[in-house]
Every structure is written in structure tokens, then in C-alpha cells.
PDB file of N, CA and C in Angstrom:
ATOM      1  N   MET A   1     -52.262 -35.297  11.150  1.00  0.00           N
ATOM      2  CA  MET A   1     -51.685 -36.571  11.482  1.00  0.00           C
ATOM      3  C   MET A   1     -50.234 -36.645  11.004  1.00  0.00           C
ATOM      4  N   ALA A   2     -49.932 -35.964   9.919  1.00  0.00           N
ATOM      5  CA  ALA A   2     -48.569 -35.997   9.406  1.00  0.00           C
ATOM      6  C   ALA A   2     -47.598 -35.351  10.389  1.00  0.00           C
ATOM      7  N   PHE A   3     -48.025 -34.253  11.025  1.00  0.00           N
ATOM      8  CA  PHE A   3     -47.151 -33.607  12.008  1.00  0.00           C
ATOM      9  C   PHE A   3     -46.977 -34.469  13.260  1.00  0.00           C
ATOM     10  N   GLU A   4     -48.012 -35.201  13.641  1.00  0.00           N
ATOM     11  CA  GLU A   4     -47.876 -36.107  14.775  1.00  0.00           C
ATOM     12  C   GLU A   4     -46.867 -37.212  14.477  1.00  0.00           C
ATOM     13  N   THR A   5     -46.940 -37.752  13.274  1.00  0.00           N
ATOM     14  CA  THR A   5     -45.986 -38.774  12.860  1.00  0.00           C
ATOM     15  C   THR A   5     -44.571 -38.205  12.812  1.00  0.00           C
ATOM     16  N   LEU A   6     -44.446 -36.988  12.288  1.00  0.00           N
ATOM     17  CA  LEU A   6     -43.138 -36.341  12.236  1.00  0.00           C
ATOM     18  C   LEU A   6     -42.580 -36.119  13.636  1.00  0.00           C
ATOM     19  N   ALA A   7     -43.436 -35.718  14.575  1.00  0.00           N
ATOM     20  CA  ALA A   7     -42.984 -35.510  15.952  1.00  0.00           C
ATOM     21  C   ALA A   7     -42.506 -36.810  16.579  1.00  0.00           C
ATOM     22  N   ILE A   8     -43.208 -37.902  16.307  1.00  0.00           N
ATOM     23  CA  ILE A   8     -42.787 -39.199  16.841  1.00  0.00           C
ATOM     24  C   ILE A   8     -41.457 -39.615  16.230  1.00  0.00           C
ATOM     25  N   LEU A   9     -41.318 -39.458  14.923  1.00  0.00           N
ATOM     26  CA  LEU A   9     -40.066 -39.838  14.267  1.00  0.00           C
ATOM     27  C   LEU A   9     -38.899 -38.957  14.699  1.00  0.00           C
ATOM     28  N   ALA A  10     -39.186 -37.666  14.937  1.00  0.00           N
ATOM     29  CA  ALA A  10     -38.134 -36.744  15.363  1.00  0.00           C
ATOM     30  C   ALA A  10     -37.774 -36.932  16.831  1.00  0.00           C
ATOM     31  N   GLY A  11     -38.681 -37.535  17.589  1.00  0.00           N
ATOM     32  CA  GLY A  11     -38.418 -37.763  18.999  1.00  0.00           C
ATOM     33  C   GLY A  11     -38.665 -36.545  19.863  1.00  0.00           C
ATOM     34  N   THR A  12     -39.323 -35.536  19.316  1.00  0.00           N
ATOM     35  CA  THR A  12     -39.619 -34.329  20.067  1.00  0.00           C
ATOM     36  C   THR A  12     -40.868 -33.666  19.505  1.00  0.00           C
ATOM     37  N   ALA A  13     -41.594 -32.981  20.375  1.00  0.00           N
ATOM     38  CA  ALA A  13     -42.764 -32.237  19.915  1.00  0.00           C
ATOM     39  C   ALA A  13     -42.362 -30.850  19.430  1.00  0.00           C
ATOM     40  N   ASP A  14     -41.139 -30.448  19.714  1.00  0.00           N
ATOM     41  CA  ASP A  14     -40.628 -29.155  19.272  1.00  0.00           C
ATOM     42  C   ASP A  14     -40.045 -29.306  17.869  1.00  0.00           C
ATOM     43  N   LEU A  15     -40.919 -29.271  16.869  1.00  0.00           N
ATOM     44  CA  LEU A  15     -40.468 -29.491  15.494  1.00  0.00           C
ATOM     45  C   LEU A  15     -39.591 -28.350  14.989  1.00  0.00           C
ATOM     46  N   GLY A  16     -39.713 -27.184  15.595  1.00  0.00           N
ATOM     47  CA  GLY A  16     -38.858 -26.061  15.228  1.00  0.00           C
ATOM     48  C   GLY A  16     -37.397 -26.310  15.545  1.00  0.00           C
ATOM     49  N   ALA A  17     -37.133 -27.231  16.469  1.00  0.00           N
ATOM     50  CA  ALA A  17     -35.755 -27.585  16.799  1.00  0.00           C
ATOM     51  C   ALA A  17     -35.162 -28.557  15.783  1.00  0.00           C
ATOM     52  N   VAL A  18     -36.031 -29.205  15.021  1.00  0.00           N
ATOM     53  CA  VAL A  18     -35.587 -30.223  14.071  1.00  0.00           C
ATOM     54  C   VAL A  18     -35.580 -29.699  12.639  1.00  0.00           C
ATOM     55  N   MET A  19     -36.565 -28.847  12.327  1.00  0.00           N
ATOM     56  CA  MET A  19     -36.714 -28.331  10.965  1.00  0.00           C
ATOM     57  C   MET A  19     -36.877 -26.813  11.015  1.00  0.00           C
ATOM     58  N   THR A  20     -36.499 -26.155   9.937  1.00  0.00           N
ATOM     59  CA  THR A  20     -36.713 -24.714   9.849  1.00  0.00           C
ATOM     60  C   THR A  20     -38.186 -24.439   9.573  1.00  0.00           C
ATOM     61  N   SER A  21     -38.587 -23.192   9.716  1.00  0.00           N
ATOM     62  CA  SER A  21     -39.984 -22.844   9.467  1.00  0.00           C
ATOM     63  C   SER A  21     -40.354 -23.061   8.000  1.00  0.00           C
ATOM     64  N   ALA A  22     -39.418 -22.807   7.092  1.00  0.00           N
ATOM     65  CA  ALA A  22     -39.681 -23.049   5.670  1.00  0.00           C
ATOM     66  C   ALA A  22     -39.894 -24.536   5.409  1.00  0.00           C
ATOM     67  N   GLN A  23     -39.078 -25.378   6.027  1.00  0.00           N
ATOM     68  CA  GLN A  23     -39.227 -26.819   5.863  1.00  0.00           C
ATOM     69  C   GLN A  23     -40.558 -27.311   6.423  1.00  0.00           C
ATOM     70  N   LEU A  24     -40.956 -26.771   7.548  1.00  0.00           N
ATOM     71  CA  LEU A  24     -42.242 -27.151   8.132  1.00  0.00           C
ATOM     72  C   LEU A  24     -43.395 -26.727   7.234  1.00  0.00           C
ATOM     73  N   TYR A  25     -43.309 -25.539   6.666  1.00  0.00           N
ATOM     74  CA  TYR A  25     -44.356 -25.060   5.764  1.00  0.00           C
ATOM     75  C   TYR A  25     -44.437 -25.941   4.523  1.00  0.00           C
ATOM     76  N   ILE A  26     -43.300 -26.241   3.924  1.00  0.00           N
ATOM     77  CA  ILE A  26     -43.273 -27.093   2.729  1.00  0.00           C
ATOM     78  C   ILE A  26     -43.782 -28.484   3.066  1.00  0.00           C
ATOM     79  N   PHE A  27     -43.401 -29.017   4.211  1.00  0.00           N
ATOM     80  CA  PHE A  27     -43.889 -30.322   4.651  1.00  0.00           C
ATOM     81  C   PHE A  27     -45.412 -30.329   4.747  1.00  0.00           C
ATOM     82  N   ALA A  28     -45.971 -29.262   5.310  1.00  0.00           N
ATOM     83  CA  ALA A  28     -47.424 -29.184   5.453  1.00  0.00           C
ATOM     84  C   ALA A  28     -48.113 -29.140   4.095  1.00  0.00           C
ATOM     85  N   VAL A  29     -47.596 -28.341   3.180  1.00  0.00           N
ATOM     86  CA  VAL A  29     -48.205 -28.222   1.851  1.00  0.00           C
ATOM     87  C   VAL A  29     -48.106 -29.540   1.090  1.00  0.00           C
ATOM     88  N   VAL A  30     -46.938 -30.153   1.103  1.00  0.00           N
ATOM     89  CA  VAL A  30     -46.753 -31.419   0.385  1.00  0.00           C
ATOM     90  C   VAL A  30     -47.610 -32.516   1.013  1.00  0.00           C
ATOM     91  N   SER A  31     -47.739 -32.527   2.330  1.00  0.00           N
ATOM     92  CA  SER A  31     -48.576 -33.534   2.993  1.00  0.00           C
ATOM     93  C   SER A  31     -50.026 -33.424   2.563  1.00  0.00           C
ATOM     94  N   VAL A  32     -50.490 -32.207   2.373  1.00  0.00           N
ATOM     95  CA  VAL A  32     -51.875 -32.010   1.951  1.00  0.00           C
ATOM     96  C   VAL A  32     -52.070 -32.454   0.504  1.00  0.00           C
ATOM     97  N   LEU A  33     -51.100 -32.172  -0.348  1.00  0.00           N
ATOM     98  CA  LEU A  33     -51.255 -32.443  -1.775  1.00  0.00           C
ATOM     99  C   LEU A  33     -50.760 -33.816  -2.213  1.00  0.00           C
ATOM    100  N   PHE A  34     -49.885 -34.426  -1.445  1.00  0.00           N
ATOM    101  CA  PHE A  34     -49.113 -35.563  -1.928  1.00  0.00           C
ATOM    102  C   PHE A  34     -49.930 -36.820  -2.191  1.00  0.00           C
ATOM    103  N   VAL A  35     -50.585 -37.369  -1.209  1.00  0.00           N
ATOM    104  CA  VAL A  35     -51.241 -38.665  -1.365  1.00  0.00           C
ATOM    105  C   VAL A  35     -52.701 -38.561  -0.948  1.00  0.00           C
ATOM    106  N   PRO A  36     -53.613 -38.992  -1.804  1.00  0.00           N
ATOM    107  CA  PRO A  36     -55.009 -39.047  -1.366  1.00  0.00           C
ATOM    108  C   PRO A  36     -55.169 -40.166  -0.337  1.00  0.00           C
ATOM    109  N   CYS A  37     -56.165 -40.042   0.508  1.00  0.00           N
ATOM    110  CA  CYS A  37     -56.352 -41.057   1.544  1.00  0.00           C
ATOM    111  C   CYS A  37     -56.775 -42.389   0.918  1.00  0.00           C
ATOM    112  N   VAL A  38     -56.572 -43.446   1.649  1.00  0.00           N
ATOM    113  CA  VAL A  38     -56.839 -44.794   1.151  1.00  0.00           C
ATOM    114  C   VAL A  38     -58.312 -44.962   0.790  1.00  0.00           C
ATOM    115  N   SER A  39     -59.198 -44.369   1.583  1.00  0.00           N
ATOM    116  CA  SER A  39     -60.623 -44.507   1.279  1.00  0.00           C
ATOM    117  C   SER A  39     -60.978 -43.819  -0.038  1.00  0.00           C
ATOM    118  N   THR A  40     -60.335 -42.699  -0.332  1.00  0.00           N
ATOM    119  CA  THR A  40     -60.567 -42.024  -1.605  1.00  0.00           C
ATOM    120  C   THR A  40     -60.101 -42.882  -2.771  1.00  0.00           C
ATOM    121  N   ILE A  41     -58.949 -43.505  -2.606  1.00  0.00           N
ATOM    122  CA  ILE A  41     -58.432 -44.388  -3.648  1.00  0.00           C
ATOM    123  C   ILE A  41     -59.377 -45.564  -3.857  1.00  0.00           C
ATOM    124  N   ALA A  42     -59.884 -46.130  -2.775  1.00  0.00           N
ATOM    125  CA  ALA A  42     -60.806 -47.268  -2.881  1.00  0.00           C
ATOM    126  C   ALA A  42     -62.097 -46.880  -3.593  1.00  0.00           C
ATOM    127  N   VAL A  43     -62.653 -45.729  -3.261  1.00  0.00           N
ATOM    128  CA  VAL A  43     -63.875 -45.280  -3.920  1.00  0.00           C
ATOM    129  C   VAL A  43     -63.619 -44.988  -5.395  1.00  0.00           C
ATOM    130  N   LEU A  44     -62.508 -44.337  -5.694  1.00  0.00           N
ATOM    131  CA  LEU A  44     -62.169 -44.092  -7.098  1.00  0.00           C
ATOM    132  C   LEU A  44     -62.048 -45.402  -7.870  1.00  0.00           C
ATOM    133  N   TYR A  45     -61.407 -46.375  -7.263  1.00  0.00           N
ATOM    134  CA  TYR A  45     -61.230 -47.669  -7.916  1.00  0.00           C
ATOM    135  C   TYR A  45     -62.577 -48.336  -8.198  1.00  0.00           C
ATOM    136  N   ARG A  46     -63.471 -48.295  -7.212  1.00  0.00           N
ATOM    137  CA  ARG A  46     -64.785 -48.940  -7.388  1.00  0.00           C
ATOM    138  C   ARG A  46     -65.659 -48.194  -8.392  1.00  0.00           C
ATOM    139  N   GLU A  47     -65.579 -46.878  -8.384  1.00  0.00           N
ATOM    140  CA  GLU A  47     -66.469 -46.076  -9.233  1.00  0.00           C
ATOM    141  C   GLU A  47     -65.905 -45.835 -10.637  1.00  0.00           C
ATOM    142  N   MET A  48     -64.602 -45.644 -10.737  1.00  0.00           N
ATOM    143  CA  MET A  48     -64.010 -45.224 -12.007  1.00  0.00           C
ATOM    144  C   MET A  48     -63.112 -46.275 -12.671  1.00  0.00           C
ATOM    145  N   GLY A  49     -62.638 -47.230 -11.910  1.00  0.00           N
ATOM    146  CA  GLY A  49     -61.759 -48.238 -12.479  1.00  0.00           C
ATOM    147  C   GLY A  49     -60.296 -47.948 -12.183  1.00  0.00           C
ATOM    148  N   VAL A  50     -59.489 -48.901 -12.569  1.00  0.00           N
ATOM    149  CA  VAL A  50     -58.074 -48.839 -12.232  1.00  0.00           C
ATOM    150  C   VAL A  50     -57.350 -47.727 -13.003  1.00  0.00           C
ATOM    151  N   LYS A  51     -57.730 -47.474 -14.245  1.00  0.00           N
ATOM    152  CA  LYS A  51     -57.032 -46.481 -15.061  1.00  0.00           C
ATOM    153  C   LYS A  51     -57.175 -45.072 -14.480  1.00  0.00           C
ATOM    154  N   ILE A  52     -58.392 -44.665 -14.191  1.00  0.00           N
ATOM    155  CA  ILE A  52     -58.628 -43.329 -13.635  1.00  0.00           C
ATOM    156  C   ILE A  52     -58.005 -43.209 -12.248  1.00  0.00           C
ATOM    157  N   THR A  53     -58.109 -44.275 -11.457  1.00  0.00           N
ATOM    158  CA  THR A  53     -57.517 -44.265 -10.121  1.00  0.00           C
ATOM    159  C   THR A  53     -56.010 -44.063 -10.207  1.00  0.00           C
ATOM    160  N   ALA A  54     -55.359 -44.773 -11.104  1.00  0.00           N
ATOM    161  CA  ALA A  54     -53.916 -44.625 -11.284  1.00  0.00           C
ATOM    162  C   ALA A  54     -53.566 -43.220 -11.754  1.00  0.00           C
ATOM    163  N   LEU A  55     -54.359 -42.672 -12.660  1.00  0.00           N
ATOM    164  CA  LEU A  55     -54.102 -41.312 -13.148  1.00  0.00           C
ATOM    165  C   LEU A  55     -54.248 -40.283 -12.029  1.00  0.00           C
ATOM    166  N   VAL A  56     -55.283 -40.422 -11.222  1.00  0.00           N
ATOM    167  CA  VAL A  56     -55.494 -39.487 -10.117  1.00  0.00           C
ATOM    168  C   VAL A  56     -54.350 -39.587  -9.113  1.00  0.00           C
ATOM    169  N   CYS A  57     -53.926 -40.801  -8.796  1.00  0.00           N
ATOM    170  CA  CYS A  57     -52.810 -40.985  -7.863  1.00  0.00           C
ATOM    171  C   CYS A  57     -51.521 -40.380  -8.413  1.00  0.00           C
ATOM    172  N   CYS A  58     -51.244 -40.632  -9.673  1.00  0.00           N
ATOM    173  CA  CYS A  58     -50.043 -40.055 -10.297  1.00  0.00           C
ATOM    174  C   CYS A  58     -50.120 -38.530 -10.331  1.00  0.00           C
ATOM    175  N   TYR A  59     -51.300 -38.003 -10.628  1.00  0.00           N
ATOM    176  CA  TYR A  59     -51.475 -36.553 -10.666  1.00  0.00           C
ATOM    177  C   TYR A  59     -51.227 -35.936  -9.300  1.00  0.00           C
ATOM    178  N   THR A  60     -51.810 -36.510  -8.243  1.00  0.00           N
ATOM    179  CA  THR A  60     -51.639 -35.919  -6.918  1.00  0.00           C
ATOM    180  C   THR A  60     -50.201 -36.051  -6.427  1.00  0.00           C
ATOM    181  N   LEU A  61     -49.562 -37.176  -6.736  1.00  0.00           N
ATOM    182  CA  LEU A  61     -48.156 -37.333  -6.357  1.00  0.00           C
ATOM    183  C   LEU A  61     -47.288 -36.313  -7.075  1.00  0.00           C
ATOM    184  N   THR A  62     -47.531 -36.145  -8.373  1.00  0.00           N
ATOM    185  CA  THR A  62     -46.764 -35.176  -9.155  1.00  0.00           C
ATOM    186  C   THR A  62     -47.038 -33.756  -8.682  1.00  0.00           C
ATOM    187  N   LEU A  63     -48.297 -33.434  -8.437  1.00  0.00           N
ATOM    188  CA  LEU A  63     -48.654 -32.098  -7.969  1.00  0.00           C
ATOM    189  C   LEU A  63     -47.967 -31.782  -6.643  1.00  0.00           C
ATOM    190  N   GLY A  64     -47.990 -32.707  -5.716  1.00  0.00           N
ATOM    191  CA  GLY A  64     -47.339 -32.489  -4.425  1.00  0.00           C
ATOM    192  C   GLY A  64     -45.850 -32.257  -4.561  1.00  0.00           C
ATOM    193  N   MET A  65     -45.201 -33.062  -5.375  1.00  0.00           N
ATOM    194  CA  MET A  65     -43.754 -32.913  -5.552  1.00  0.00           C
ATOM    195  C   MET A  65     -43.397 -31.614  -6.269  1.00  0.00           C
ATOM    196  N   VAL A  66     -44.156 -31.259  -7.302  1.00  0.00           N
ATOM    197  CA  VAL A  66     -43.862 -30.034  -8.063  1.00  0.00           C
ATOM    198  C   VAL A  66     -44.084 -28.799  -7.193  1.00  0.00           C
ATOM    199  N   VAL A  67     -45.189 -28.759  -6.471  1.00  0.00           N
ATOM    200  CA  VAL A  67     -45.457 -27.616  -5.599  1.00  0.00           C
ATOM    201  C   VAL A  67     -44.413 -27.541  -4.484  1.00  0.00           C
ATOM    202  N   GLY A  68     -44.046 -28.680  -3.918  1.00  0.00           N
ATOM    203  CA  GLY A  68     -43.008 -28.705  -2.889  1.00  0.00           C
ATOM    204  C   GLY A  68     -41.667 -28.220  -3.415  1.00  0.00           C
ATOM    205  N   ALA A  69     -41.304 -28.659  -4.605  1.00  0.00           N
ATOM    206  CA  ALA A  69     -40.047 -28.215  -5.205  1.00  0.00           C
ATOM    207  C   ALA A  69     -40.080 -26.720  -5.514  1.00  0.00           C
ATOM    208  N   ALA A  70     -41.219 -26.236  -6.014  1.00  0.00           N
ATOM    209  CA  ALA A  70     -41.352 -24.806  -6.315  1.00  0.00           C
ATOM    210  C   ALA A  70     -41.246 -23.975  -5.042  1.00  0.00           C
ATOM    211  N   LEU A  71     -41.914 -24.417  -3.985  1.00  0.00           N
ATOM    212  CA  LEU A  71     -41.819 -23.695  -2.710  1.00  0.00           C
ATOM    213  C   LEU A  71     -40.392 -23.714  -2.174  1.00  0.00           C
ATOM    214  N   HIS A  72     -39.724 -24.832  -2.312  1.00  0.00           N
ATOM    215  CA  HIS A  72     -38.325 -24.923  -1.866  1.00  0.00           C
ATOM    216  C   HIS A  72     -37.463 -23.926  -2.632  1.00  0.00           C
ATOM    217  N   LEU A  73     -37.650 -23.845  -3.934  1.00  0.00           N
ATOM    218  CA  LEU A  73     -36.876 -22.887  -4.725  1.00  0.00           C
ATOM    219  C   LEU A  73     -37.191 -21.452  -4.322  1.00  0.00           C
ATOM    220  N   ILE A  74     -38.461 -21.166  -4.102  1.00  0.00           N
ATOM    221  CA  ILE A  74     -38.853 -19.816  -3.698  1.00  0.00           C
ATOM    222  C   ILE A  74     -38.244 -19.455  -2.348  1.00  0.00           C
ATOM    223  N   PHE A  75     -38.347 -20.372  -1.374  1.00  0.00           N
ATOM    224  CA  PHE A  75     -37.797 -20.093  -0.050  1.00  0.00           C
ATOM    225  C   PHE A  75     -36.270 -20.029  -0.051  1.00  0.00           C
ATOM    226  N   SER A  76     -35.632 -20.785  -0.933  1.00  0.00           N
ATOM    227  CA  SER A  76     -34.164 -20.755  -0.962  1.00  0.00           C
ATOM    228  C   SER A  76     -33.642 -19.472  -1.615  1.00  0.00           C
ATOM    229  N   MET A  77     -34.469 -18.779  -2.413  1.00  0.00           N
ATOM    230  CA  MET A  77     -34.069 -17.519  -3.004  1.00  0.00           C
ATOM    231  C   MET A  77     -34.236 -16.334  -2.043  1.00  0.00           C
ATOM    232  N   MET A  78     -34.984 -16.549  -0.979  1.00  0.00           N
ATOM    233  CA  MET A  78     -35.233 -15.454  -0.021  1.00  0.00           C
ATOM    234  C   MET A  78     -34.064 -15.256   0.904  1.00  0.00           C
TER     235      MET A  78
END
């Protein structure tokens, strides 16, 4: 769904014309790691409470950004 949204925002289905292959790869990885779905957050909130839910959200946001930044550094060194 993230790539569909990106295609709509870019105004073209040819994402290779808008982003490099490294950028597309990093986008895909960060999209997977970045934000848990709303239903997951709701279940965590109901089952574990606000504290654990906030920690899980912060962890996934941080993990997505750190992995994305690391991949960017790796690809920029190539």
C-alpha cells in the first residue's frame, strides 16, 4: 500500500523515474519497519496499556529510522 500511495503522490506508476533503486529499497524497508498498523496499536492498548503501547510505537519508529539511515549510509558508500 505504501508504494501505491507513493505512486499517487509522484503522479506516475514508474517509480524508477522518480527515485533511484536504492531509495526505493530503503523506502520499502522503512515502510515495513516504521509504523505498526492501527489495529495492532489498538490491540496493544487494550491488552497491555498505554505505557507498553507507547514503548512499542517508539521502538518501531526508532528501528525504522535507524535501519533506514544505516541502509542510506551503506548505499551512499557504494
